[in-house]
Amino acid sequence: ISDDTTPNVTVAWSRMMADTGATAPDPGEKVGDPTTVPDE
């Protein structure tokens, strides 16, 4: 979360384990992509 006046929320890194047991970077959370967090 950036320290801008209006903070930007971005993905720094990601990793996932599928239900098959395979692991890889999460394709739905790519580095630099905006994401969301609760306002608080």
Full PDB file with SEQRES, HELIX, SHEET, SSBOND, CRYST1, ORIGX, SCALE, CONECT and MASTER records, all heavy atoms in Angstrom:
SEQRES   1 A   40  ILE SER ASP ASP THR THR PRO ASN VAL THR VAL ALA TRP          
SEQRES   2 A   40  SER ARG MET MET ALA ASP THR GLY ALA THR ALA PRO ASP          
SEQRES   3 A   40  PRO GLY GLU LYS VAL GLY ASP PRO THR THR VAL PRO ASP          
SEQRES   4 A   40  GLU                                                          
CRYST1    1.000    1.000    1.000  90.00  90.00  90.00 P 1           1          
ORIGX1      1.000000  0.000000  0.000000        0.00000                         
ORIGX2      0.000000  1.000000  0.000000        0.00000                         
ORIGX3      0.000000  0.000000  1.000000        0.00000                         
SCALE1      1.000000  0.000000  0.000000        0.00000                         
SCALE2      0.000000  1.000000  0.000000        0.00000                         
SCALE3      0.000000  0.000000  1.000000        0.00000                         
ATOM      1  N   ILE A   1       0.868  -1.180   0.000  1.00  0.00           N  
ATOM      2  CA  ILE A   1       0.000   0.000   0.000  1.00  0.00           C  
ATOM      3  C   ILE A   1       0.905   1.232   0.000  1.00  0.00           C  
ATOM      4  O   ILE A   1       1.724   1.415   0.908  1.00  0.00           O  
ATOM      5  CB  ILE A   1      -0.922   0.006   1.234  1.00  0.00           C  
ATOM      6  CG1 ILE A   1      -1.745  -1.289   1.277  1.00  0.00           C  
ATOM      7  CG2 ILE A   1      -1.847   1.218   1.222  1.00  0.00           C  
ATOM      8  CD1 ILE A   1      -2.586  -1.447   2.525  1.00  0.00           C  
ATOM      9  N   SER A   2       0.776   2.053  -1.029  1.00  0.00           N  
ATOM     10  CA  SER A   2       1.655   3.223  -1.171  1.00  0.00           C  
ATOM     11  C   SER A   2       1.328   4.270  -0.103  1.00  0.00           C  
ATOM     12  O   SER A   2       0.252   4.256   0.503  1.00  0.00           O  
ATOM     13  CB  SER A   2       1.503   3.827  -2.565  1.00  0.00           C  
ATOM     14  OG  SER A   2       0.238   4.456  -2.689  1.00  0.00           O  
ATOM     15  N   ASP A   3       2.277   5.192   0.092  1.00  0.00           N  
ATOM     16  CA  ASP A   3       2.064   6.249   1.080  1.00  0.00           C  
ATOM     17  C   ASP A   3       1.562   7.539   0.442  1.00  0.00           C  
ATOM     18  O   ASP A   3       1.743   8.636   0.981  1.00  0.00           O  
ATOM     19  CB  ASP A   3       3.349   6.508   1.872  1.00  0.00           C  
ATOM     20  CG  ASP A   3       4.521   6.851   0.972  1.00  0.00           C  
ATOM     21  OD1 ASP A   3       4.321   6.917  -0.264  1.00  0.00           O  
ATOM     22  OD2 ASP A   3       5.631   7.060   1.494  1.00  0.00           O  
ATOM     23  N   ASP A   4       0.936   7.426  -0.733  1.00  0.00           N  
ATOM     24  CA  ASP A   4       0.348   8.588  -1.397  1.00  0.00           C  
ATOM     25  C   ASP A   4      -0.853   9.105  -0.598  1.00  0.00           C  
ATOM     26  O   ASP A   4      -1.378   8.416   0.290  1.00  0.00           O  
ATOM     27  CB  ASP A   4      -0.101   8.230  -2.819  1.00  0.00           C  
ATOM     28  CG  ASP A   4       1.063   7.772  -3.682  1.00  0.00           C  
ATOM     29  OD1 ASP A   4       2.198   8.226  -3.429  1.00  0.00           O  
ATOM     30  OD2 ASP A   4       0.832   6.946  -4.588  1.00  0.00           O  
ATOM     31  N   THR A   5      -1.273  10.301  -0.939  1.00  0.00           N  
ATOM     32  CA  THR A   5      -2.451  10.876  -0.279  1.00  0.00           C  
ATOM     33  C   THR A   5      -3.653   9.947  -0.451  1.00  0.00           C  
ATOM     34  O   THR A   5      -4.409   9.698   0.498  1.00  0.00           O  
ATOM     35  CB  THR A   5      -2.781  12.260  -0.864  1.00  0.00           C  
ATOM     36  OG1 THR A   5      -1.629  13.097  -0.751  1.00  0.00           O  
ATOM     37  CG2 THR A   5      -3.953  12.885  -0.128  1.00  0.00           C  
ATOM     38  N   THR A   6      -3.808   9.454  -1.664  1.00  0.00           N  
ATOM     39  CA  THR A   6      -4.794   8.404  -1.931  1.00  0.00           C  
ATOM     40  C   THR A   6      -4.004   7.126  -2.177  1.00  0.00           C  
ATOM     41  O   THR A   6      -3.459   6.923  -3.270  1.00  0.00           O  
ATOM     42  CB  THR A   6      -5.663   8.739  -3.158  1.00  0.00           C  
ATOM     43  OG1 THR A   6      -6.331   9.988  -2.938  1.00  0.00           O  
ATOM     44  CG2 THR A   6      -6.708   7.649  -3.381  1.00  0.00           C  
ATOM     45  N   PRO A   7      -3.870   6.262  -1.181  1.00  0.00           N  
ATOM     46  CA  PRO A   7      -2.994   5.094  -1.302  1.00  0.00           C  
ATOM     47  C   PRO A   7      -3.381   4.174  -2.455  1.00  0.00           C  
ATOM     48  O   PRO A   7      -4.573   3.912  -2.695  1.00  0.00           O  
ATOM     49  CB  PRO A   7      -3.183   4.387   0.049  1.00  0.00           C  
ATOM     50  CG  PRO A   7      -3.670   5.433   0.975  1.00  0.00           C  
ATOM     51  CD  PRO A   7      -4.508   6.346   0.136  1.00  0.00           C  
ATOM     52  N   ASN A   8      -2.351   3.736  -3.191  1.00  0.00           N  
ATOM     53  CA  ASN A   8      -2.549   2.726  -4.227  1.00  0.00           C  
ATOM     54  C   ASN A   8      -2.256   1.344  -3.645  1.00  0.00           C  
ATOM     55  O   ASN A   8      -1.249   1.160  -2.957  1.00  0.00           O  
ATOM     56  CB  ASN A   8      -1.627   2.988  -5.420  1.00  0.00           C  
ATOM     57  CG  ASN A   8      -1.979   4.279  -6.137  1.00  0.00           C  
ATOM     58  OD1 ASN A   8      -3.149   4.547  -6.380  1.00  0.00           O  
ATOM     59  ND2 ASN A   8      -0.967   5.081  -6.467  1.00  0.00           N  
ATOM     60  N   VAL A   9      -3.123   0.418  -3.926  1.00  0.00           N  
ATOM     61  CA  VAL A   9      -2.986  -0.946  -3.397  1.00  0.00           C  
ATOM     62  C   VAL A   9      -2.630  -1.863  -4.556  1.00  0.00           C  
ATOM     63  O   VAL A   9      -3.429  -2.046  -5.485  1.00  0.00           O  
ATOM     64  CB  VAL A   9      -4.287  -1.415  -2.718  1.00  0.00           C  
ATOM     65  CG1 VAL A   9      -4.102  -2.796  -2.109  1.00  0.00           C  
ATOM     66  CG2 VAL A   9      -4.732  -0.415  -1.665  1.00  0.00           C  
ATOM     67  N   THR A  10      -1.417  -2.421  -4.523  1.00  0.00           N  
ATOM     68  CA  THR A  10      -0.952  -3.261  -5.633  1.00  0.00           C  
ATOM     69  C   THR A  10      -0.383  -4.582  -5.130  1.00  0.00           C  
ATOM     70  O   THR A  10      -0.005  -4.716  -3.963  1.00  0.00           O  
ATOM     71  CB  THR A  10       0.135  -2.529  -6.448  1.00  0.00           C  
ATOM     72  OG1 THR A  10       1.195  -2.154  -5.567  1.00  0.00           O  
ATOM     73  CG2 THR A  10      -0.434  -1.290  -7.125  1.00  0.00           C  
ATOM     74  N   VAL A  11      -0.298  -5.528  -6.054  1.00  0.00           N  
ATOM     75  CA  VAL A  11       0.250  -6.846  -5.749  1.00  0.00           C  
ATOM     76  C   VAL A  11       1.770  -6.781  -5.787  1.00  0.00           C  
ATOM     77  O   VAL A  11       2.360  -6.395  -6.802  1.00  0.00           O  
ATOM     78  CB  VAL A  11      -0.261  -7.901  -6.752  1.00  0.00           C  
ATOM     79  CG1 VAL A  11       0.399  -9.257  -6.492  1.00  0.00           C  
ATOM     80  CG2 VAL A  11      -1.783  -8.024  -6.668  1.00  0.00           C  
ATOM     81  N   ALA A  12       2.425  -7.132  -4.688  1.00  0.00           N  
ATOM     82  CA  ALA A  12       3.891  -7.169  -4.641  1.00  0.00           C  
ATOM     83  C   ALA A  12       4.402  -8.521  -5.117  1.00  0.00           C  
ATOM     84  O   ALA A  12       5.426  -8.606  -5.802  1.00  0.00           O  
ATOM     85  CB  ALA A  12       4.384  -6.893  -3.226  1.00  0.00           C  
ATOM     86  N   TRP A  13       3.728  -9.578  -4.761  1.00  0.00           N  
ATOM     87  CA  TRP A  13       4.050 -10.942  -5.202  1.00  0.00           C  
ATOM     88  C   TRP A  13       2.868 -11.842  -4.867  1.00  0.00           C  
ATOM     89  O   TRP A  13       1.993 -11.468  -4.085  1.00  0.00           O  
ATOM     90  CB  TRP A  13       5.332 -11.478  -4.555  1.00  0.00           C  
ATOM     91  CG  TRP A  13       5.421 -11.289  -3.062  1.00  0.00           C  
ATOM     92  CD1 TRP A  13       6.075 -10.292  -2.394  1.00  0.00           C  
ATOM     93  CD2 TRP A  13       4.824 -12.106  -2.044  1.00  0.00           C  
ATOM     94  NE1 TRP A  13       5.931 -10.422  -1.037  1.00  0.00           N  
ATOM     95  CE2 TRP A  13       5.170 -11.541  -0.790  1.00  0.00           C  
ATOM     96  CE3 TRP A  13       4.047 -13.252  -2.055  1.00  0.00           C  
ATOM     97  CZ2 TRP A  13       4.753 -12.088   0.423  1.00  0.00           C  
ATOM     98  CZ3 TRP A  13       3.631 -13.808  -0.844  1.00  0.00           C  
ATOM     99  CH2 TRP A  13       3.978 -13.232   0.374  1.00  0.00           C  
ATOM    100  N   SER A  14       2.836 -13.000  -5.475  1.00  0.00           N  
ATOM    101  CA  SER A  14       1.744 -13.937  -5.208  1.00  0.00           C  
ATOM    102  C   SER A  14       2.214 -15.371  -5.431  1.00  0.00           C  
ATOM    103  O   SER A  14       3.182 -15.621  -6.159  1.00  0.00           O  
ATOM    104  CB  SER A  14       0.529 -13.640  -6.101  1.00  0.00           C  
ATOM    105  OG  SER A  14       0.839 -13.924  -7.462  1.00  0.00           O  
ATOM    106  N   ARG A  15       1.515 -16.269  -4.810  1.00  0.00           N  
ATOM    107  CA  ARG A  15       1.798 -17.703  -4.962  1.00  0.00           C  
ATOM    108  C   ARG A  15       0.513 -18.461  -4.673  1.00  0.00           C  
ATOM    109  O   ARG A  15      -0.292 -18.033  -3.833  1.00  0.00           O  
ATOM    110  CB  ARG A  15       2.892 -18.139  -3.978  1.00  0.00           C  
ATOM    111  CG  ARG A  15       3.475 -19.533  -4.224  1.00  0.00           C  
ATOM    112  CD  ARG A  15       4.389 -19.547  -5.404  1.00  0.00           C  
ATOM    113  NE  ARG A  15       5.003 -20.862  -5.599  1.00  0.00           N  
ATOM    114  CZ  ARG A  15       5.707 -21.183  -6.682  1.00  0.00           C  
ATOM    115  NH1 ARG A  15       5.904 -20.291  -7.652  1.00  0.00           N  
ATOM    116  NH2 ARG A  15       6.239 -22.390  -6.804  1.00  0.00           N  
ATOM    117  N   MET A  16       0.283 -19.537  -5.372  1.00  0.00           N  
ATOM    118  CA  MET A  16      -0.933 -20.320  -5.167  1.00  0.00           C  
ATOM    119  C   MET A  16      -0.632 -21.809  -5.184  1.00  0.00           C  
ATOM    120  O   MET A  16       0.350 -22.261  -5.788  1.00  0.00           O  
ATOM    121  CB  MET A  16      -1.984 -20.007  -6.230  1.00  0.00           C  
ATOM    122  CG  MET A  16      -1.584 -20.384  -7.644  1.00  0.00           C  
ATOM    123  SD  MET A  16      -2.957 -20.268  -8.828  1.00  0.00           S  
ATOM    124  CE  MET A  16      -3.905 -21.737  -8.366  1.00  0.00           C  
ATOM    125  N   MET A  17      -1.474 -22.555  -4.490  1.00  0.00           N  
ATOM    126  CA  MET A  17      -1.455 -24.006  -4.569  1.00  0.00           C  
ATOM    127  C   MET A  17      -2.849 -24.443  -4.999  1.00  0.00           C  
ATOM    128  O   MET A  17      -3.833 -24.225  -4.280  1.00  0.00           O  
ATOM    129  CB  MET A  17      -1.098 -24.642  -3.218  1.00  0.00           C  
ATOM    130  CG  MET A  17      -1.166 -26.161  -3.236  1.00  0.00           C  
ATOM    131  SD  MET A  17      -0.746 -26.899  -1.628  1.00  0.00           S  
ATOM    132  CE  MET A  17       1.036 -26.615  -1.615  1.00  0.00           C  
ATOM    133  N   ALA A  18      -2.949 -25.013  -6.193  1.00  0.00           N  
ATOM    134  CA  ALA A  18      -4.239 -25.455  -6.709  1.00  0.00           C  
ATOM    135  C   ALA A  18      -4.710 -26.690  -5.952  1.00  0.00           C  
ATOM    136  O   ALA A  18      -3.935 -27.329  -5.227  1.00  0.00           O  
ATOM    137  CB  ALA A  18      -4.132 -25.754  -8.202  1.00  0.00           C  
ATOM    138  N   ASP A  19      -5.985 -27.031  -6.130  1.00  0.00           N  
ATOM    139  CA  ASP A  19      -6.494 -28.210  -5.438  1.00  0.00           C  
ATOM    140  C   ASP A  19      -5.876 -29.500  -5.959  1.00  0.00           C  
ATOM    141  O   ASP A  19      -6.020 -30.559  -5.348  1.00  0.00           O  
ATOM    142  CB  ASP A  19      -8.024 -28.283  -5.532  1.00  0.00           C  
ATOM    143  CG  ASP A  19      -8.531 -28.223  -6.968  1.00  0.00           C  
ATOM    144  OD1 ASP A  19      -7.696 -28.278  -7.906  1.00  0.00           O  
ATOM    145  OD2 ASP A  19      -9.760 -28.120  -7.154  1.00  0.00           O  
ATOM    146  N   THR A  20      -5.162 -29.399  -7.074  1.00  0.00           N  
ATOM    147  CA  THR A  20      -4.425 -30.562  -7.590  1.00  0.00           C  
ATOM    148  C   THR A  20      -3.089 -30.738  -6.885  1.00  0.00           C  
ATOM    149  O   THR A  20      -2.413 -31.744  -7.072  1.00  0.00           O  
ATOM    150  CB  THR A  20      -4.180 -30.408  -9.099  1.00  0.00           C  
ATOM    151  OG1 THR A  20      -3.429 -29.212  -9.331  1.00  0.00           O  
ATOM    152  CG2 THR A  20      -5.505 -30.341  -9.858  1.00  0.00           C  
ATOM    153  N   GLY A  21      -2.674 -29.716  -6.106  1.00  0.00           N  
ATOM    154  CA  GLY A  21      -1.384 -29.753  -5.424  1.00  0.00           C  
ATOM    155  C   GLY A  21      -0.298 -28.992  -6.159  1.00  0.00           C  
ATOM    156  O   GLY A  21       0.794 -28.788  -5.626  1.00  0.00           O  
ATOM    157  N   ALA A  22      -0.587 -28.549  -7.404  1.00  0.00           N  
ATOM    158  CA  ALA A  22       0.405 -27.811  -8.192  1.00  0.00           C  
ATOM    159  C   ALA A  22       0.553 -26.393  -7.644  1.00  0.00           C  
ATOM    160  O   ALA A  22      -0.424 -25.762  -7.249  1.00  0.00           O  
ATOM    161  CB  ALA A  22      -0.012 -27.764  -9.656  1.00  0.00           C  
ATOM    162  N   THR A  23       1.805 -25.897  -7.625  1.00  0.00           N  
ATOM    163  CA  THR A  23       2.077 -24.549  -7.127  1.00  0.00           C  
ATOM    164  C   THR A  23       2.660 -23.691  -8.240  1.00  0.00           C  
ATOM    165  O   THR A  23       3.386 -24.180  -9.107  1.00  0.00           O  
ATOM    166  CB  THR A  23       3.070 -24.592  -5.951  1.00  0.00           C  
ATOM    167  OG1 THR A  23       4.279 -25.253  -6.364  1.00  0.00           O  
ATOM    168  CG2 THR A  23       2.465 -25.335  -4.762  1.00  0.00           C  
ATOM    169  N   ALA A  24       2.327 -22.395  -8.195  1.00  0.00           N  
ATOM    170  CA  ALA A  24       2.796 -21.455  -9.219  1.00  0.00           C  
ATOM    171  C   ALA A  24       2.412 -20.047  -8.789  1.00  0.00           C  
ATOM    172  O   ALA A  24       1.602 -19.877  -7.876  1.00  0.00           O  
ATOM    173  CB  ALA A  24       2.162 -21.787 -10.575  1.00  0.00           C  
ATOM    174  N   PRO A  25       3.012 -19.017  -9.432  1.00  0.00           N  
ATOM    175  CA  PRO A  25       2.518 -17.659  -9.191  1.00  0.00           C  
ATOM    176  C   PRO A  25       1.035 -17.587  -9.542  1.00  0.00           C  
ATOM    177  O   PRO A  25       0.588 -18.228 -10.494  1.00  0.00           O  
ATOM    178  CB  PRO A  25       3.368 -16.811 -10.142  1.00  0.00           C  
ATOM    179  CG  PRO A  25       4.618 -17.607 -10.338  1.00  0.00           C  
ATOM    180  CD  PRO A  25       4.186 -19.037 -10.328  1.00  0.00           C  
ATOM    181  N   ASP A  26       0.265 -16.844  -8.777  1.00  0.00           N  
ATOM    182  CA  ASP A  26      -1.177 -16.757  -8.990  1.00  0.00           C  
ATOM    183  C   ASP A  26      -1.465 -15.940 -10.248  1.00  0.00           C  
ATOM    184  O   ASP A  26      -1.177 -14.742 -10.288  1.00  0.00           O  
ATOM    185  CB  ASP A  26      -1.837 -16.103  -7.771  1.00  0.00           C  
ATOM    186  CG  ASP A  26      -3.352 -16.215  -7.796  1.00  0.00           C  
ATOM    187  OD1 ASP A  26      -3.903 -16.457  -8.877  1.00  0.00           O  
ATOM    188  OD2 ASP A  26      -3.971 -16.061  -6.724  1.00  0.00           O  
ATOM    189  N   PRO A  27      -2.032 -16.556 -11.293  1.00  0.00           N  
ATOM    190  CA  PRO A  27      -2.291 -15.805 -12.527  1.00  0.00           C  
ATOM    191  C   PRO A  27      -3.333 -14.714 -12.346  1.00  0.00           C  
ATOM    192  O   PRO A  27      -3.395 -13.770 -13.136  1.00  0.00           O  
ATOM    193  CB  PRO A  27      -2.795 -16.886 -13.499  1.00  0.00           C  
ATOM    194  CG  PRO A  27      -3.316 -17.980 -12.615  1.00  0.00           C  
ATOM    195  CD  PRO A  27      -2.459 -17.964 -11.391  1.00  0.00           C  
ATOM    196  N   GLY A  28      -4.137 -14.802 -11.325  1.00  0.00           N  
ATOM    197  CA  GLY A  28      -5.134 -13.780 -11.076  1.00  0.00           C  
ATOM    198  C   GLY A  28      -4.620 -12.621 -10.245  1.00  0.00           C  
ATOM    199  O   GLY A  28      -5.335 -11.638 -10.032  1.00  0.00           O  
ATOM    200  N   GLU A  29      -3.381 -12.723  -9.749  1.00  0.00           N  
ATOM    201  CA  GLU A  29      -2.778 -11.669  -8.920  1.00  0.00           C  
ATOM    202  C   GLU A  29      -1.354 -11.427  -9.416  1.00  0.00           C  
ATOM    203  O   GLU A  29      -0.377 -11.821  -8.794  1.00  0.00           O  
ATOM    204  CB  GLU A  29      -2.762 -12.081  -7.443  1.00  0.00           C  
ATOM    205  CG  GLU A  29      -4.128 -12.315  -6.837  1.00  0.00           C  
ATOM    206  CD  GLU A  29      -4.873 -11.017  -6.518  1.00  0.00           C  
ATOM    207  OE1 GLU A  29      -4.272  -9.932  -6.694  1.00  0.00           O  
ATOM    208  OE2 GLU A  29      -6.033 -11.083  -6.106  1.00  0.00           O  
ATOM    209  N   LYS A  30      -1.219 -10.774 -10.553  1.00  0.00           N  
ATOM    210  CA  LYS A  30       0.092 -10.525 -11.135  1.00  0.00           C  
ATOM    211  C   LYS A  30       0.772  -9.332 -10.456  1.00  0.00           C  
ATOM    212  O   LYS A  30       0.109  -8.414  -9.989  1.00  0.00           O  
ATOM    213  CB  LYS A  30      -0.047 -10.265 -12.634  1.00  0.00           C  
ATOM    214  CG  LYS A  30      -0.574 -11.473 -13.400  1.00  0.00           C  
ATOM    215  CD  LYS A  30      -0.698 -11.157 -14.884  1.00  0.00           C  
ATOM    216  CE  LYS A  30      -1.234 -12.377 -15.643  1.00  0.00           C  
ATOM    217  NZ  LYS A  30      -1.399 -12.099 -17.099  1.00  0.00           N  
ATOM    218  N   VAL A  31       2.098  -9.386 -10.411  1.00  0.00           N  
ATOM    219  CA  VAL A  31       2.878  -8.324  -9.768  1.00  0.00           C  
ATOM    220  C   VAL A  31       2.569  -6.979 -10.420  1.00  0.00           C  
ATOM    221  O   VAL A  31       2.599  -6.838 -11.649  1.00  0.00           O  
ATOM    222  CB  VAL A  31       4.389  -8.620  -9.869  1.00  0.00           C  
ATOM    223  CG1 VAL A  31       5.196  -7.467  -9.288  1.00  0.00           C  
ATOM    224  CG2 VAL A  31       4.713  -9.918  -9.142  1.00  0.00           C  
ATOM    225  N   GLY A  32       2.277  -5.992  -9.582  1.00  0.00           N  
ATOM    226  CA  GLY A  32       1.963  -4.657 -10.066  1.00  0.00           C  
ATOM    227  C   GLY A  32       0.499  -4.410 -10.335  1.00  0.00           C  
ATOM    228  O   GLY A  32       0.082  -3.261 -10.499  1.00  0.00           O  
ATOM    229  N   ASP A  33      -0.291  -5.465 -10.391  1.00  0.00           N  
ATOM    230  CA  ASP A  33      -1.724  -5.287 -10.633  1.00  0.00           C  
ATOM    231  C   ASP A  33      -2.406  -4.658  -9.414  1.00  0.00           C  
ATOM    232  O   ASP A  33      -2.026  -4.944  -8.270  1.00  0.00           O  
ATOM    233  CB  ASP A  33      -2.391  -6.636 -10.920  1.00  0.00           C  
ATOM    234  CG  ASP A  33      -2.130  -7.123 -12.334  1.00  0.00           C  
ATOM    235  OD1 ASP A  33      -1.507  -6.377 -13.106  1.00  0.00           O  
ATOM    236  OD2 ASP A  33      -2.541  -8.259 -12.647  1.00  0.00           O  
ATOM    237  N   PRO A  34      -3.399  -3.811  -9.645  1.00  0.00           N  
ATOM    238  CA  PRO A  34      -4.150  -3.274  -8.501  1.00  0.00           C  
ATOM    239  C   PRO A  34      -4.984  -4.374  -7.851  1.00  0.00           C  
ATOM    240  O   PRO A  34      -5.431  -5.311  -8.524  1.00  0.00           O  
ATOM    241  CB  PRO A  34      -5.040  -2.205  -9.142  1.00  0.00           C  
ATOM    242  CG  PRO A  34      -5.173  -2.615 -10.577  1.00  0.00           C  
ATOM    243  CD  PRO A  34      -3.879  -3.294 -10.936  1.00  0.00           C  
ATOM    244  N   THR A  35      -5.175  -4.269  -6.573  1.00  0.00           N  
ATOM    245  CA  THR A  35      -6.014  -5.226  -5.849  1.00  0.00           C  
ATOM    246  C   THR A  35      -6.794  -4.461  -4.792  1.00  0.00           C  
ATOM    247  O   THR A  35      -6.680  -3.232  -4.694  1.00  0.00           O  
ATOM    248  CB  THR A  35      -5.158  -6.353  -5.227  1.00  0.00           C  
ATOM    249  OG1 THR A  35      -6.023  -7.369  -4.687  1.00  0.00           O  
ATOM    250  CG2 THR A  35      -4.246  -5.828  -4.142  1.00  0.00           C  
ATOM    251  N   THR A  36      -7.572  -5.148  -4.028  1.00  0.00           N  
ATOM    252  CA  THR A  36      -8.416  -4.484  -3.035  1.00  0.00           C  
ATOM    253  C   THR A  36      -8.157  -5.058  -1.645  1.00  0.00           C  
ATOM    254  O   THR A  36      -7.813  -6.223  -1.497  1.00  0.00           O  
ATOM    255  CB  THR A  36      -9.908  -4.653  -3.374  1.00  0.00           C  
ATOM    256  OG1 THR A  36     -10.227  -6.057  -3.443  1.00  0.00           O  
ATOM    257  CG2 THR A  36     -10.228  -4.002  -4.706  1.00  0.00           C  
ATOM    258  N   VAL A  37      -8.339  -4.209  -0.656  1.00  0.00           N  
ATOM    259  CA  VAL A  37      -8.277  -4.616   0.748  1.00  0.00           C  
ATOM    260  C   VAL A  37      -9.404  -3.880   1.477  1.00  0.00           C  
ATOM    261  O   VAL A  37      -9.907  -2.866   0.988  1.00  0.00           O  
ATOM    262  CB  VAL A  37      -6.919  -4.271   1.404  1.00  0.00           C  
ATOM    263  CG1 VAL A  37      -5.779  -4.999   0.709  1.00  0.00           C  
ATOM    264  CG2 VAL A  37      -6.684  -2.772   1.405  1.00  0.00           C  
ATOM    265  N   PRO A  38      -9.824  -4.369   2.625  1.00  0.00           N  
ATOM    266  CA  PRO A  38     -10.845  -3.643   3.384  1.00  0.00           C  
ATOM    267  C   PRO A  38     -10.387  -2.223   3.704  1.00  0.00           C  
ATOM    268  O   PRO A  38      -9.201  -1.968   3.923  1.00  0.00           O  
ATOM    269  CB  PRO A  38     -10.978  -4.479   4.665  1.00  0.00           C  
ATOM    270  CG  PRO A  38     -10.545  -5.851   4.261  1.00  0.00           C  
ATOM    271  CD  PRO A  38      -9.463  -5.651   3.253  1.00  0.00           C  
ATOM    272  N   ASP A  39     -11.323  -1.285   3.709  1.00  0.00           N  
ATOM    273  CA  ASP A  39     -10.991   0.135   3.925  1.00  0.00           C  
ATOM    274  C   ASP A  39     -10.235   0.369   5.227  1.00  0.00           C  
ATOM    275  O   ASP A  39      -9.332   1.207   5.288  1.00  0.00           O  
ATOM    276  CB  ASP A  39     -12.276   0.972   3.920  1.00  0.00           C  
ATOM    277  CG  ASP A  39     -12.891   1.066   2.532  1.00  0.00           C  
ATOM    278  OD1 ASP A  39     -12.174   0.845   1.544  1.00  0.00           O  
ATOM    279  OD2 ASP A  39     -14.108   1.342   2.442  1.00  0.00           O  
ATOM    280  N   GLU A  40     -10.584  -0.395   6.269  1.00  0.00           N  
ATOM    281  CA  GLU A  40      -9.927  -0.177   7.557  1.00  0.00           C  
ATOM    282  C   GLU A  40      -8.464  -0.625   7.547  1.00  0.00           C  
ATOM    283  O   GLU A  40      -7.692  -0.285   8.447  1.00  0.00           O  
ATOM    284  CB  GLU A  40     -10.680  -0.901   8.673  1.00  0.00           C  
ATOM    285  CG  GLU A  40     -10.810  -2.401   8.512  1.00  0.00           C  
ATOM    286  CD  GLU A  40     -12.058  -2.811   7.763  1.00  0.00           C  
ATOM    287  OE1 GLU A  40     -12.621  -1.966   7.020  1.00  0.00           O  
ATOM    288  OE2 GLU A  40     -12.477  -3.970   7.914  1.00  0.00           O  
TER     289      GLU A  40                                                      
MASTER        0    0    0    0    0    0    0    6  288    1    0    4          
END                                                                             
